[in-house]
Amino acid sequence: MEFINGQSDESLDCTMNCSPEFEKYNIAFLAGGFFNVLITRCKNGMTESDEKMAEMVYERLSNHIAGISLT
């Protein structure tokens, strides 16, 4: 998955081994999180830098979902 907006040379990789059914829900879960972060950022006037937002999203993912790494 390209990291946040596809403008970076970095990407998020998930190394979890899971069933195709679980993977389907995992993708939906992540998409919902990204969507809500973007909506909240817009409501707050988009004052945070892109870099700060990328760092915050990465920290949330790496703290709450096993197998996520920034490469």
N, C-alpha and C. Protein backbone atom coordinates (compact mmCIF):
# COMPACT_ATOMS: atom_id res chain seq x y z
N MET A 1 0.86 -1.17 0.00
CA MET A 1 0.00 0.00 0.00
C MET A 1 0.90 1.23 0.00
N GLU A 2 0.68 2.12 -0.94
CA GLU A 2 1.46 3.35 -0.97
C GLU A 2 1.20 4.12 0.32
N PHE A 3 2.22 4.72 0.85
CA PHE A 3 2.09 5.40 2.14
C PHE A 3 1.40 6.74 1.97
N ILE A 4 0.21 6.84 2.51
CA ILE A 4 -0.67 7.99 2.55
C ILE A 4 -1.06 8.48 1.15
N ASN A 5 -0.22 9.20 0.44
CA ASN A 5 -0.69 9.81 -0.81
C ASN A 5 0.08 9.36 -2.04
N GLY A 6 0.92 8.36 -1.91
CA GLY A 6 1.65 7.87 -3.07
C GLY A 6 2.81 8.75 -3.50
N GLN A 7 3.08 9.83 -2.80
CA GLN A 7 4.16 10.74 -3.17
C GLN A 7 5.48 10.34 -2.54
N SER A 8 5.47 9.38 -1.66
CA SER A 8 6.66 9.00 -0.91
C SER A 8 7.33 7.79 -1.54
N ASP A 9 8.61 7.63 -1.28
CA ASP A 9 9.33 6.43 -1.70
C ASP A 9 9.10 5.30 -0.71
N GLU A 10 8.41 5.59 0.39
CA GLU A 10 8.16 4.60 1.42
C GLU A 10 6.77 3.99 1.24
N SER A 11 6.61 2.79 1.76
CA SER A 11 5.30 2.16 1.72
C SER A 11 5.06 1.42 3.02
N LEU A 12 3.80 1.14 3.31
CA LEU A 12 3.45 0.32 4.46
C LEU A 12 3.32 -1.11 3.99
N ASP A 13 3.95 -2.02 4.69
CA ASP A 13 3.87 -3.43 4.35
C ASP A 13 3.26 -4.18 5.51
N CYS A 14 2.32 -5.05 5.22
CA CYS A 14 1.73 -5.91 6.23
C CYS A 14 2.26 -7.31 6.02
N THR A 15 2.91 -7.85 7.03
CA THR A 15 3.51 -9.18 6.92
C THR A 15 2.69 -10.23 7.67
N MET A 16 1.48 -9.86 8.07
CA MET A 16 0.62 -10.81 8.77
C MET A 16 0.17 -11.90 7.80
N ASN A 17 0.20 -13.13 8.25
CA ASN A 17 -0.39 -14.21 7.48
C ASN A 17 -1.82 -14.37 7.96
N CYS A 18 -2.77 -14.19 7.06
CA CYS A 18 -4.16 -14.31 7.44
C CYS A 18 -4.97 -14.85 6.27
N SER A 19 -6.13 -15.33 6.60
CA SER A 19 -7.01 -15.90 5.58
C SER A 19 -7.51 -14.80 4.65
N PRO A 20 -7.92 -15.17 3.43
CA PRO A 20 -8.49 -14.16 2.52
C PRO A 20 -9.70 -13.46 3.12
N GLU A 21 -10.52 -14.17 3.90
CA GLU A 21 -11.68 -13.54 4.53
C GLU A 21 -11.24 -12.48 5.53
N PHE A 22 -10.25 -12.80 6.36
CA PHE A 22 -9.74 -11.83 7.33
C PHE A 22 -9.12 -10.65 6.61
N GLU A 23 -8.39 -10.91 5.54
CA GLU A 23 -7.74 -9.84 4.78
C GLU A 23 -8.77 -8.84 4.26
N LYS A 24 -9.92 -9.33 3.82
CA LYS A 24 -11.00 -8.47 3.32
C LYS A 24 -11.44 -7.50 4.42
N TYR A 25 -11.61 -7.98 5.63
CA TYR A 25 -12.03 -7.11 6.74
C TYR A 25 -10.90 -6.21 7.20
N ASN A 26 -9.68 -6.70 7.12
CA ASN A 26 -8.52 -5.91 7.50
C ASN A 26 -8.41 -4.68 6.59
N ILE A 27 -8.61 -4.87 5.30
CA ILE A 27 -8.56 -3.76 4.34
C ILE A 27 -9.68 -2.77 4.64
N ALA A 28 -10.88 -3.26 4.92
CA ALA A 28 -12.00 -2.36 5.24
C ALA A 28 -11.72 -1.56 6.51
N PHE A 29 -11.13 -2.22 7.50
CA PHE A 29 -10.78 -1.56 8.76
C PHE A 29 -9.79 -0.42 8.52
N LEU A 30 -8.75 -0.71 7.77
CA LEU A 30 -7.73 0.31 7.48
C LEU A 30 -8.31 1.46 6.66
N ALA A 31 -9.12 1.14 5.66
CA ALA A 31 -9.72 2.18 4.83
C ALA A 31 -10.59 3.11 5.67
N GLY A 32 -11.36 2.55 6.59
CA GLY A 32 -12.20 3.37 7.46
C GLY A 32 -11.37 4.30 8.34
N GLY A 33 -10.27 3.78 8.84
CA GLY A 33 -9.39 4.60 9.67
C GLY A 33 -8.78 5.75 8.88
N PHE A 34 -8.28 5.46 7.70
CA PHE A 34 -7.70 6.52 6.86
C PHE A 34 -8.75 7.57 6.52
N PHE A 35 -9.95 7.12 6.15
CA PHE A 35 -11.02 8.04 5.78
C PHE A 35 -11.34 8.97 6.94
N ASN A 36 -11.50 8.42 8.13
CA ASN A 36 -11.85 9.24 9.28
C ASN A 36 -10.73 10.20 9.68
N VAL A 37 -9.49 9.80 9.52
CA VAL A 37 -8.38 10.71 9.78
C VAL A 37 -8.43 11.87 8.80
N LEU A 38 -8.67 11.59 7.52
CA LEU A 38 -8.75 12.66 6.53
C LEU A 38 -9.91 13.61 6.81
N ILE A 39 -11.07 13.07 7.18
CA ILE A 39 -12.22 13.92 7.49
C ILE A 39 -11.91 14.81 8.70
N THR A 40 -11.32 14.24 9.73
CA THR A 40 -10.98 15.01 10.93
C THR A 40 -9.96 16.09 10.60
N ARG A 41 -8.98 15.74 9.78
CA ARG A 41 -7.98 16.74 9.38
C ARG A 41 -8.64 17.90 8.63
N CYS A 42 -9.54 17.59 7.72
CA CYS A 42 -10.24 18.64 6.98
C CYS A 42 -11.06 19.52 7.91
N LYS A 43 -11.78 18.91 8.84
CA LYS A 43 -12.60 19.68 9.78
C LYS A 43 -11.75 20.60 10.65
N ASN A 44 -10.49 20.22 10.88
CA ASN A 44 -9.60 21.02 11.73
C ASN A 44 -8.76 22.00 10.92
N GLY A 45 -9.08 22.19 9.65
CA GLY A 45 -8.41 23.20 8.84
C GLY A 45 -7.10 22.76 8.22
N MET A 46 -6.78 21.48 8.26
CA MET A 46 -5.57 20.92 7.64
C MET A 46 -4.32 21.69 8.04
N THR A 47 -4.20 21.99 9.33
CA THR A 47 -3.06 22.75 9.82
C THR A 47 -1.81 21.90 10.02
N GLU A 48 -1.97 20.59 10.15
CA GLU A 48 -0.82 19.71 10.34
C GLU A 48 -0.10 19.50 9.00
N SER A 49 1.21 19.35 9.06
CA SER A 49 1.97 19.08 7.84
C SER A 49 1.68 17.66 7.35
N ASP A 50 1.91 17.43 6.06
CA ASP A 50 1.75 16.09 5.51
C ASP A 50 2.65 15.10 6.24
N GLU A 51 3.87 15.54 6.54
CA GLU A 51 4.82 14.68 7.23
C GLU A 51 4.33 14.31 8.63
N LYS A 52 3.77 15.28 9.34
CA LYS A 52 3.24 15.02 10.68
C LYS A 52 2.07 14.03 10.61
N MET A 53 1.20 14.20 9.63
CA MET A 53 0.07 13.28 9.48
C MET A 53 0.55 11.87 9.14
N ALA A 54 1.53 11.77 8.25
CA ALA A 54 2.07 10.45 7.91
C ALA A 54 2.67 9.77 9.13
N GLU A 55 3.41 10.54 9.92
CA GLU A 55 4.02 10.01 11.14
C GLU A 55 2.94 9.54 12.12
N MET A 56 1.91 10.34 12.30
CA MET A 56 0.84 9.99 13.23
C MET A 56 0.11 8.71 12.78
N VAL A 57 -0.22 8.62 11.51
CA VAL A 57 -0.92 7.43 11.00
C VAL A 57 -0.02 6.20 11.15
N TYR A 58 1.24 6.33 10.79
CA TYR A 58 2.17 5.21 10.93
C TYR A 58 2.27 4.75 12.38
N GLU A 59 2.38 5.69 13.31
CA GLU A 59 2.48 5.33 14.73
C GLU A 59 1.23 4.58 15.18
N ARG A 60 0.05 5.04 14.77
CA ARG A 60 -1.19 4.37 15.15
C ARG A 60 -1.20 2.95 14.59
N LEU A 61 -0.85 2.82 13.32
CA LEU A 61 -0.86 1.50 12.71
C LEU A 61 0.15 0.56 13.36
N SER A 62 1.36 1.03 13.55
CA SER A 62 2.39 0.16 14.11
C SER A 62 2.13 -0.19 15.57
N ASN A 63 1.41 0.67 16.31
CA ASN A 63 1.10 0.37 17.71
C ASN A 63 -0.10 -0.55 17.87
N HIS A 64 -0.98 -0.59 16.90
CA HIS A 64 -2.22 -1.32 17.07
C HIS A 64 -2.40 -2.52 16.14
N ILE A 65 -1.59 -2.63 15.12
CA ILE A 65 -1.73 -3.73 14.18
C ILE A 65 -0.39 -4.42 14.03
N ALA A 66 -0.33 -5.68 14.43
CA ALA A 66 0.91 -6.45 14.30
C ALA A 66 1.27 -6.64 12.84
N GLY A 67 2.53 -6.64 12.55
CA GLY A 67 2.99 -6.93 11.21
C GLY A 67 3.08 -5.73 10.29
N ILE A 68 2.89 -4.52 10.80
CA ILE A 68 2.99 -3.32 9.97
C ILE A 68 4.38 -2.71 10.13
N SER A 69 5.03 -2.43 9.00
CA SER A 69 6.33 -1.79 9.05
C SER A 69 6.43 -0.79 7.91
N LEU A 70 7.25 0.21 8.12
CA LEU A 70 7.50 1.24 7.10
C LEU A 70 8.74 0.84 6.35
N THR A 71 8.63 0.68 5.03
CA THR A 71 9.79 0.28 4.23
C THR A 71 10.04 1.28 3.12
